[in-house]
Amino acid sequence: MLIWICDNENIYRTNIREYCCQYFVKKGETFDIEIFSSGEEVIAAQGIPDILFLDIDLDKMNGIEVKENLWLEGNHQSFIVYITNYEKYMQEAYDINVLGYLRKPVYYEAIEKMLEKAKERFTYTEYIYENDKIRISAQDILYIEASGAYTWIYPVKGNRIMERKELTDWEDALRFRGFYRIHHSYLINMAYIKRYSKSELELSTENVKLPIARRRYGDFDREYRKYRRCIEVEMRI
């Protein structure tokens, strides 16, 4: 497992590194750790970490901005663990791929909990579409569009894929994976919602905007609020 640690204070970089080493040695698992003191160093670095422990209150570019830059550059795989002293940042920090946050000072038990949580997520990955060239898990899907007896799958990264499967079938298969049918033609992954109104929503990648059927808005709004509450609770565990 590749771990990146970014904090502008050496004491926290050192502590988190030591706790991660302690955890992996205890488990008898291989690991590699890289240390950064600024968000700019993280963005310029080569590779994609499995987990990034990221201080929010950095000197120039804050941790949330670092995460957004990594996302725009195509890193949708790394799990983020935010580190902060400030409660005010927490609402902004809730997002896709964010495992949770740690308050300073950081202790071994908190690091162990986050590493275990990350391993559970890695283990749970299940591919819902695959062929000889590509495999797609539910979290890789931005939205699915109906096209008669076929559907178009729009992944977060890469070209759309046509599948001989009706949207109702996808709706049933993804019902408990954070997806919601906002329109007779669109099934969306709620993890990628950036903003929405009573008539349309915008997804957080590629500036995709999709219509919300008027009769579906009320149920959608309730489901999305419930989904966000579940995510927030999970991040605090």
C-alpha atoms as a PDB file:
ATOM      1  CA  MET A   1       0.000   0.000   0.000  1.00  0.00           C
ATOM      2  CA  LEU A   2       1.298   3.454  -0.901  1.00  0.00           C
ATOM      3  CA  ILE A   3       0.706   6.158   1.707  1.00  0.00           C
ATOM      4  CA  TRP A   4       1.238   9.887   1.189  1.00  0.00           C
ATOM      5  CA  ILE A   5       1.330  12.278   4.136  1.00  0.00           C
ATOM      6  CA  CYS A   6       1.039  16.025   3.612  1.00  0.00           C
ATOM      7  CA  ASP A   7       1.253  18.446   6.537  1.00  0.00           C
ATOM      8  CA  ASN A   8       3.152  21.715   6.916  1.00  0.00           C
ATOM      9  CA  GLU A   9       4.192  20.820  10.478  1.00  0.00           C
ATOM     10  CA  ASN A  10       6.988  18.294  10.832  1.00  0.00           C
ATOM     11  CA  ILE A  11       5.731  16.919  14.143  1.00  0.00           C
ATOM     12  CA  TYR A  12       2.477  15.719  12.547  1.00  0.00           C
ATOM     13  CA  ARG A  13       4.204  14.340   9.452  1.00  0.00           C
ATOM     14  CA  THR A  14       6.524  12.373  11.704  1.00  0.00           C
ATOM     15  CA  ASN A  15       3.789  11.113  14.032  1.00  0.00           C
ATOM     16  CA  ILE A  16       1.515   9.911  11.239  1.00  0.00           C
ATOM     17  CA  ARG A  17       4.438   8.224   9.472  1.00  0.00           C
ATOM     18  CA  GLU A  18       5.448   6.397  12.664  1.00  0.00           C
ATOM     19  CA  TYR A  19       1.878   5.283  13.345  1.00  0.00           C
ATOM     20  CA  CYS A  20       1.458   3.991   9.776  1.00  0.00           C
ATOM     21  CA  CYS A  21       4.760   2.091  10.032  1.00  0.00           C
ATOM     22  CA  GLN A  22       3.661   0.636  13.357  1.00  0.00           C
ATOM     23  CA  TYR A  23       0.368  -0.523  11.840  1.00  0.00           C
ATOM     24  CA  PHE A  24       1.828  -2.227   8.762  1.00  0.00           C
ATOM     25  CA  VAL A  25       4.680  -3.872  10.672  1.00  0.00           C
ATOM     26  CA  LYS A  26       2.134  -5.196  13.167  1.00  0.00           C
ATOM     27  CA  LYS A  27       0.043  -6.603  10.292  1.00  0.00           C
ATOM     28  CA  GLY A  28       3.053  -7.972   8.436  1.00  0.00           C
ATOM     29  CA  GLU A  29       2.056  -6.086   5.290  1.00  0.00           C
ATOM     30  CA  THR A  30       4.244  -4.296   2.751  1.00  0.00           C
ATOM     31  CA  PHE A  31       3.964  -0.529   2.437  1.00  0.00           C
ATOM     32  CA  ASP A  32       5.670   2.597   1.199  1.00  0.00           C
ATOM     33  CA  ILE A  33       5.336   6.120   2.597  1.00  0.00           C
ATOM     34  CA  GLU A  34       6.109   9.472   1.005  1.00  0.00           C
ATOM     35  CA  ILE A  35       6.167  12.757   2.914  1.00  0.00           C
ATOM     36  CA  PHE A  36       5.157  16.242   1.674  1.00  0.00           C
ATOM     37  CA  SER A  37       5.136  19.621   3.384  1.00  0.00           C
ATOM     38  CA  SER A  38       2.897  21.519   0.941  1.00  0.00           C
ATOM     39  CA  GLY A  39      -0.021  21.004  -1.402  1.00  0.00           C
ATOM     40  CA  GLU A  40       2.107  22.098  -4.331  1.00  0.00           C
ATOM     41  CA  GLU A  41       4.510  19.218  -3.685  1.00  0.00           C
ATOM     42  CA  VAL A  42       1.618  16.731  -3.690  1.00  0.00           C
ATOM     43  CA  ILE A  43       0.245  17.993  -7.001  1.00  0.00           C
ATOM     44  CA  ALA A  44       3.700  17.873  -8.617  1.00  0.00           C
ATOM     45  CA  ALA A  45       4.469  14.363  -7.349  1.00  0.00           C
ATOM     46  CA  GLN A  46       4.421  11.291  -9.588  1.00  0.00           C
ATOM     47  CA  GLY A  47       2.179   8.333  -8.826  1.00  0.00           C
ATOM     48  CA  ILE A  48      -1.191   7.719  -7.215  1.00  0.00           C
ATOM     49  CA  PRO A  49      -1.300   6.879  -3.494  1.00  0.00           C
ATOM     50  CA  ASP A  50      -3.787   4.452  -2.030  1.00  0.00           C
ATOM     51  CA  ILE A  51      -4.315   6.812   0.917  1.00  0.00           C
ATOM     52  CA  LEU A  52      -3.445  10.480   1.292  1.00  0.00           C
ATOM     53  CA  PHE A  53      -3.364  11.938   4.801  1.00  0.00           C
ATOM     54  CA  LEU A  54      -3.917  15.586   3.970  1.00  0.00           C
ATOM     55  CA  ASP A  55      -3.742  18.611   6.273  1.00  0.00           C
ATOM     56  CA  ILE A  56      -6.512  21.096   5.461  1.00  0.00           C
ATOM     57  CA  ASP A  57      -4.807  24.184   6.864  1.00  0.00           C
ATOM     58  CA  LEU A  58      -1.740  24.341   4.596  1.00  0.00           C
ATOM     59  CA  ASP A  59       0.238  27.527   3.911  1.00  0.00           C
ATOM     60  CA  LYS A  60      -0.758  28.502   0.351  1.00  0.00           C
ATOM     61  CA  MET A  61      -3.154  25.952  -1.105  1.00  0.00           C
ATOM     62  CA  ASN A  62      -5.468  24.366   1.471  1.00  0.00           C
ATOM     63  CA  GLY A  63      -6.148  20.632   1.571  1.00  0.00           C
ATOM     64  CA  ILE A  64      -9.571  20.875  -0.034  1.00  0.00           C
ATOM     65  CA  GLU A  65      -8.061  22.737  -2.993  1.00  0.00           C
ATOM     66  CA  VAL A  66      -5.342  20.093  -3.262  1.00  0.00           C
ATOM     67  CA  LYS A  67      -7.968  17.356  -3.413  1.00  0.00           C
ATOM     68  CA  GLU A  68      -9.897  19.233  -6.128  1.00  0.00           C
ATOM     69  CA  ASN A  69      -6.725  19.667  -8.203  1.00  0.00           C
ATOM     70  CA  LEU A  70      -5.889  15.968  -7.955  1.00  0.00           C
ATOM     71  CA  TRP A  71      -9.423  15.151  -9.071  1.00  0.00           C
ATOM     72  CA  LEU A  72      -9.181  17.461 -12.103  1.00  0.00           C
ATOM     73  CA  GLU A  73      -5.875  15.830 -13.046  1.00  0.00           C
ATOM     74  CA  GLY A  74      -7.585  12.421 -13.132  1.00  0.00           C
ATOM     75  CA  ASN A  75      -6.826  10.982  -9.691  1.00  0.00           C
ATOM     76  CA  HIS A  76     -10.191   9.527  -8.690  1.00  0.00           C
ATOM     77  CA  GLN A  77      -8.731   6.505  -6.921  1.00  0.00           C
ATOM     78  CA  SER A  78      -6.935   7.789  -3.818  1.00  0.00           C
ATOM     79  CA  PHE A  79      -8.738   7.770  -0.489  1.00  0.00           C
ATOM     80  CA  ILE A  80      -8.373  11.058   1.393  1.00  0.00           C
ATOM     81  CA  VAL A  81      -8.112  11.439   5.164  1.00  0.00           C
ATOM     82  CA  TYR A  82      -8.242  15.102   6.156  1.00  0.00           C
ATOM     83  CA  ILE A  83      -6.322  16.366   9.180  1.00  0.00           C
ATOM     84  CA  THR A  84      -7.320  19.595  10.907  1.00  0.00           C
ATOM     85  CA  ASN A  85      -7.762  21.607  14.069  1.00  0.00           C
ATOM     86  CA  TYR A  86     -10.742  23.465  12.703  1.00  0.00           C
ATOM     87  CA  GLU A  87     -14.317  22.185  12.885  1.00  0.00           C
ATOM     88  CA  LYS A  88     -15.435  24.883  10.410  1.00  0.00           C
ATOM     89  CA  TYR A  89     -13.746  23.021   7.536  1.00  0.00           C
ATOM     90  CA  MET A  90     -15.592  19.768   8.062  1.00  0.00           C
ATOM     91  CA  GLN A  91     -18.730  20.510   6.047  1.00  0.00           C
ATOM     92  CA  GLU A  92     -16.592  21.496   3.050  1.00  0.00           C
ATOM     93  CA  ALA A  93     -14.539  18.323   3.406  1.00  0.00           C
ATOM     94  CA  TYR A  94     -17.393  15.873   2.773  1.00  0.00           C
ATOM     95  CA  ASP A  95     -16.903  14.507  -0.702  1.00  0.00           C
ATOM     96  CA  ILE A  96     -16.409  11.419  -2.815  1.00  0.00           C
ATOM     97  CA  ASN A  97     -13.348   9.301  -1.866  1.00  0.00           C
ATOM     98  CA  VAL A  98     -12.989  11.071   1.495  1.00  0.00           C
ATOM     99  CA  LEU A  99     -12.702   8.454   4.225  1.00  0.00           C
ATOM    100  CA  GLY A 100     -13.051  10.920   7.076  1.00  0.00           C
ATOM    101  CA  TYR A 101     -11.078  13.403   9.120  1.00  0.00           C
ATOM    102  CA  LEU A 102      -8.723  13.377  12.093  1.00  0.00           C
ATOM    103  CA  ARG A 103      -8.376  16.131  14.660  1.00  0.00           C
ATOM    104  CA  LYS A 104      -4.932  17.160  15.864  1.00  0.00           C
ATOM    105  CA  PRO A 105      -3.171  15.850  17.851  1.00  0.00           C
ATOM    106  CA  VAL A 106      -3.403  12.523  16.020  1.00  0.00           C
ATOM    107  CA  TYR A 107      -3.177   9.209  17.908  1.00  0.00           C
ATOM    108  CA  TYR A 108      -2.339   5.677  16.772  1.00  0.00           C
ATOM    109  CA  GLU A 109      -5.869   4.347  17.344  1.00  0.00           C
ATOM    110  CA  ALA A 110      -7.328   6.934  14.941  1.00  0.00           C
ATOM    111  CA  ILE A 111      -4.767   6.101  12.236  1.00  0.00           C
ATOM    112  CA  GLU A 112      -5.419   2.369  12.668  1.00  0.00           C
ATOM    113  CA  LYS A 113      -9.164   2.931  12.267  1.00  0.00           C
ATOM    114  CA  MET A 114      -8.689   4.865   9.008  1.00  0.00           C
ATOM    115  CA  LEU A 115      -6.313   2.272   7.558  1.00  0.00           C
ATOM    116  CA  GLU A 116      -8.740  -0.525   8.377  1.00  0.00           C
ATOM    117  CA  LYS A 117     -11.571   1.450   6.819  1.00  0.00           C
ATOM    118  CA  ALA A 118      -9.557   1.952   3.630  1.00  0.00           C
ATOM    119  CA  LYS A 119      -8.760  -1.768   3.395  1.00  0.00           C
ATOM    120  CA  GLU A 120     -12.457  -2.601   3.693  1.00  0.00           C
ATOM    121  CA  ARG A 121     -13.213  -0.261   0.800  1.00  0.00           C
ATOM    122  CA  PHE A 122     -10.504  -1.853  -1.352  1.00  0.00           C
ATOM    123  CA  THR A 123     -11.850  -5.322  -0.619  1.00  0.00           C
ATOM    124  CA  TYR A 124     -15.448  -4.356  -1.388  1.00  0.00           C
ATOM    125  CA  THR A 125     -14.816  -3.280  -4.973  1.00  0.00           C
ATOM    126  CA  GLU A 126     -17.205  -5.195  -7.241  1.00  0.00           C
ATOM    127  CA  TYR A 127     -17.251  -4.804 -11.015  1.00  0.00           C
ATOM    128  CA  ILE A 128     -20.741  -4.381 -12.423  1.00  0.00           C
ATOM    129  CA  TYR A 129     -19.558  -4.200 -16.033  1.00  0.00           C
ATOM    130  CA  GLU A 130     -16.552  -5.826 -17.631  1.00  0.00           C
ATOM    131  CA  ASN A 131     -15.262  -7.104 -20.946  1.00  0.00           C
ATOM    132  CA  ASP A 132     -11.846  -8.052 -22.286  1.00  0.00           C
ATOM    133  CA  LYS A 133     -10.594  -4.462 -22.142  1.00  0.00           C
ATOM    134  CA  ILE A 134     -12.370  -2.662 -19.305  1.00  0.00           C
ATOM    135  CA  ARG A 135     -13.827  -3.208 -15.833  1.00  0.00           C
ATOM    136  CA  ILE A 136     -16.162  -0.710 -14.170  1.00  0.00           C
ATOM    137  CA  SER A 137     -17.314  -0.635 -10.565  1.00  0.00           C
ATOM    138  CA  ALA A 138     -20.355   1.273  -9.327  1.00  0.00           C
ATOM    139  CA  GLN A 139     -18.199   4.083  -7.952  1.00  0.00           C
ATOM    140  CA  ASP A 140     -16.653   4.568 -11.409  1.00  0.00           C
ATOM    141  CA  ILE A 141     -20.026   5.454 -12.976  1.00  0.00           C
ATOM    142  CA  LEU A 142     -21.134   9.060 -13.298  1.00  0.00           C
ATOM    143  CA  TYR A 143     -24.591   8.346 -14.744  1.00  0.00           C
ATOM    144  CA  ILE A 144     -26.485   5.993 -17.050  1.00  0.00           C
ATOM    145  CA  GLU A 145     -28.756   7.108 -19.887  1.00  0.00           C
ATOM    146  CA  ALA A 146     -31.649   5.160 -21.398  1.00  0.00           C
ATOM    147  CA  SER A 147     -31.677   4.487 -25.133  1.00  0.00           C
ATOM    148  CA  GLY A 148     -34.586   2.161 -25.937  1.00  0.00           C
ATOM    149  CA  ALA A 149     -33.677  -1.405 -25.045  1.00  0.00           C
ATOM    150  CA  TYR A 150     -30.078  -0.231 -24.567  1.00  0.00           C
ATOM    151  CA  THR A 151     -28.339   2.091 -22.144  1.00  0.00           C
ATOM    152  CA  TRP A 152     -25.277   4.311 -22.304  1.00  0.00           C
ATOM    153  CA  ILE A 153     -22.915   4.041 -19.320  1.00  0.00           C
ATOM    154  CA  TYR A 154     -20.969   7.243 -18.689  1.00  0.00           C
ATOM    155  CA  PRO A 155     -17.905   6.448 -16.570  1.00  0.00           C
ATOM    156  CA  VAL A 156     -16.095   9.094 -14.541  1.00  0.00           C
ATOM    157  CA  LYS A 157     -13.119   8.622 -16.799  1.00  0.00           C
ATOM    158  CA  GLY A 158     -13.078   7.345 -20.372  1.00  0.00           C
ATOM    159  CA  ASN A 159     -15.593   6.978 -23.184  1.00  0.00           C
ATOM    160  CA  ARG A 160     -19.241   6.057 -22.792  1.00  0.00           C
ATOM    161  CA  ILE A 161     -20.218   2.403 -23.238  1.00  0.00           C
ATOM    162  CA  MET A 162     -23.388   0.940 -24.745  1.00  0.00           C
ATOM    163  CA  GLU A 163     -24.962  -2.030 -22.985  1.00  0.00           C
ATOM    164  CA  ARG A 164     -28.007  -4.136 -23.956  1.00  0.00           C
ATOM    165  CA  LYS A 165     -29.788  -3.545 -20.678  1.00  0.00           C
ATOM    166  CA  GLU A 166     -32.741  -1.340 -19.812  1.00  0.00           C
ATOM    167  CA  LEU A 167     -32.469   1.510 -17.331  1.00  0.00           C
ATOM    168  CA  THR A 168     -34.943  -0.215 -14.985  1.00  0.00           C
ATOM    169  CA  ASP A 169     -32.526  -3.146 -14.698  1.00  0.00           C
ATOM    170  CA  TRP A 170     -29.688  -0.801 -13.746  1.00  0.00           C
ATOM    171  CA  GLU A 171     -31.969   0.949 -11.268  1.00  0.00           C
ATOM    172  CA  ASP A 172     -32.650  -2.358  -9.507  1.00  0.00           C
ATOM    173  CA  ALA A 173     -28.983  -3.393  -9.529  1.00  0.00           C
ATOM    174  CA  LEU A 174     -27.722  -0.063  -8.166  1.00  0.00           C
ATOM    175  CA  ARG A 175     -30.550   0.747  -5.760  1.00  0.00           C
ATOM    176  CA  PHE A 176     -28.351   0.386  -2.665  1.00  0.00           C
ATOM    177  CA  ARG A 177     -25.195   1.856  -4.221  1.00  0.00           C
ATOM    178  CA  GLY A 178     -26.100   5.550  -3.983  1.00  0.00           C
ATOM    179  CA  PHE A 179     -27.844   5.854  -7.368  1.00  0.00           C
ATOM    180  CA  TYR A 180     -31.153   7.594  -8.031  1.00  0.00           C
ATOM    181  CA  ARG A 181     -33.367   7.855 -11.112  1.00  0.00           C
ATOM    182  CA  ILE A 182     -34.053  11.574 -11.550  1.00  0.00           C
ATOM    183  CA  HIS A 183     -35.782  11.245 -14.924  1.00  0.00           C
ATOM    184  CA  HIS A 184     -37.172   8.471 -17.114  1.00  0.00           C
ATOM    185  CA  SER A 185     -33.930   8.669 -19.111  1.00  0.00           C
ATOM    186  CA  TYR A 186     -31.291   9.215 -16.393  1.00  0.00           C
ATOM    187  CA  LEU A 187     -29.944   7.272 -13.430  1.00  0.00           C
ATOM    188  CA  ILE A 188     -27.281   9.257 -11.579  1.00  0.00           C
ATOM    189  CA  ASN A 189     -24.598   8.505  -8.999  1.00  0.00           C
ATOM    190  CA  MET A 190     -25.402  10.809  -6.060  1.00  0.00           C
ATOM    191  CA  ALA A 191     -21.745  10.819  -4.990  1.00  0.00           C
ATOM    192  CA  TYR A 192     -20.968  13.166  -7.883  1.00  0.00           C
ATOM    193  CA  ILE A 193     -23.712  15.758  -7.398  1.00  0.00           C
ATOM    194  CA  LYS A 194     -22.295  19.278  -7.282  1.00  0.00           C
ATOM    195  CA  ARG A 195     -25.551  21.262  -7.016  1.00  0.00           C
ATOM    196  CA  TYR A 196     -29.180  20.978  -8.021  1.00  0.00           C
ATOM    197  CA  SER A 197     -32.431  22.910  -8.391  1.00  0.00           C
ATOM    198  CA  LYS A 198     -36.018  21.764  -8.877  1.00  0.00           C
ATOM    199  CA  SER A 199     -35.465  21.324 -12.608  1.00  0.00           C
ATOM    200  CA  GLU A 200     -31.867  20.117 -13.098  1.00  0.00           C
ATOM    201  CA  LEU A 201     -28.677  19.030 -11.400  1.00  0.00           C
ATOM    202  CA  GLU A 202     -25.003  19.484 -12.150  1.00  0.00           C
ATOM    203  CA  LEU A 203     -22.487  16.707 -11.605  1.00  0.00           C
ATOM    204  CA  SER A 204     -19.073  17.465 -10.152  1.00  0.00           C
ATOM    205  CA  THR A 205     -17.052  16.363 -13.144  1.00  0.00           C
ATOM    206  CA  GLU A 206     -17.028  17.584 -16.753  1.00  0.00           C
ATOM    207  CA  ASN A 207     -19.799  20.126 -15.947  1.00  0.00           C
ATOM    208  CA  VAL A 208     -22.549  17.655 -16.867  1.00  0.00           C
ATOM    209  CA  LYS A 209     -26.087  19.006 -16.376  1.00  0.00           C
ATOM    210  CA  LEU A 210     -29.136  16.716 -16.446  1.00  0.00           C
ATOM    211  CA  PRO A 211     -32.878  17.394 -16.093  1.00  0.00           C
ATOM    212  CA  ILE A 212     -34.871  16.372 -13.011  1.00  0.00           C
ATOM    213  CA  ALA A 213     -38.446  15.303 -13.734  1.00  0.00           C
ATOM    214  CA  ARG A 214     -40.891  17.516 -11.851  1.00  0.00           C
ATOM    215  CA  ARG A 215     -42.756  14.584 -10.314  1.00  0.00           C
ATOM    216  CA  ARG A 216     -39.505  13.018  -9.097  1.00  0.00           C
ATOM    217  CA  TYR A 217     -37.986  16.095  -7.433  1.00  0.00           C
ATOM    218  CA  GLY A 218     -39.564  15.694  -3.976  1.00  0.00           C
ATOM    219  CA  ASP A 219     -38.500  12.068  -3.542  1.00  0.00           C
ATOM    220  CA  PHE A 220     -35.064  12.806  -5.014  1.00  0.00           C
ATOM    221  CA  ASP A 221     -34.484  15.715  -2.626  1.00  0.00           C
ATOM    222  CA  ARG A 222     -35.363  13.546   0.390  1.00  0.00           C
ATOM    223  CA  GLU A 223     -33.206  10.642  -0.791  1.00  0.00           C
ATOM    224  CA  TYR A 224     -30.219  12.863  -1.491  1.00  0.00           C
ATOM    225  CA  ARG A 225     -30.431  14.538   1.914  1.00  0.00           C
ATOM    226  CA  LYS A 226     -30.624  11.106   3.551  1.00  0.00           C
ATOM    227  CA  TYR A 227     -27.648   9.950   1.460  1.00  0.00           C
ATOM    228  CA  ARG A 228     -25.568  12.948   2.572  1.00  0.00           C
ATOM    229  CA  ARG A 229     -26.403  12.346   6.228  1.00  0.00           C
ATOM    230  CA  CYS A 230     -25.262   8.736   5.907  1.00  0.00           C
ATOM    231  CA  ILE A 231     -21.977   9.825   4.316  1.00  0.00           C
ATOM    232  CA  GLU A 232     -21.346  12.371   7.064  1.00  0.00           C
ATOM    233  CA  VAL A 233     -22.030   9.832   9.809  1.00  0.00           C
ATOM    234  CA  GLU A 234     -19.755   7.265   8.139  1.00  0.00           C
ATOM    235  CA  MET A 235     -16.911   9.763   7.927  1.00  0.00           C
ATOM    236  CA  ARG A 236     -17.046  10.302  11.679  1.00  0.00           C
ATOM    237  CA  ILE A 237     -16.785   6.575  12.450  1.00  0.00           C
END
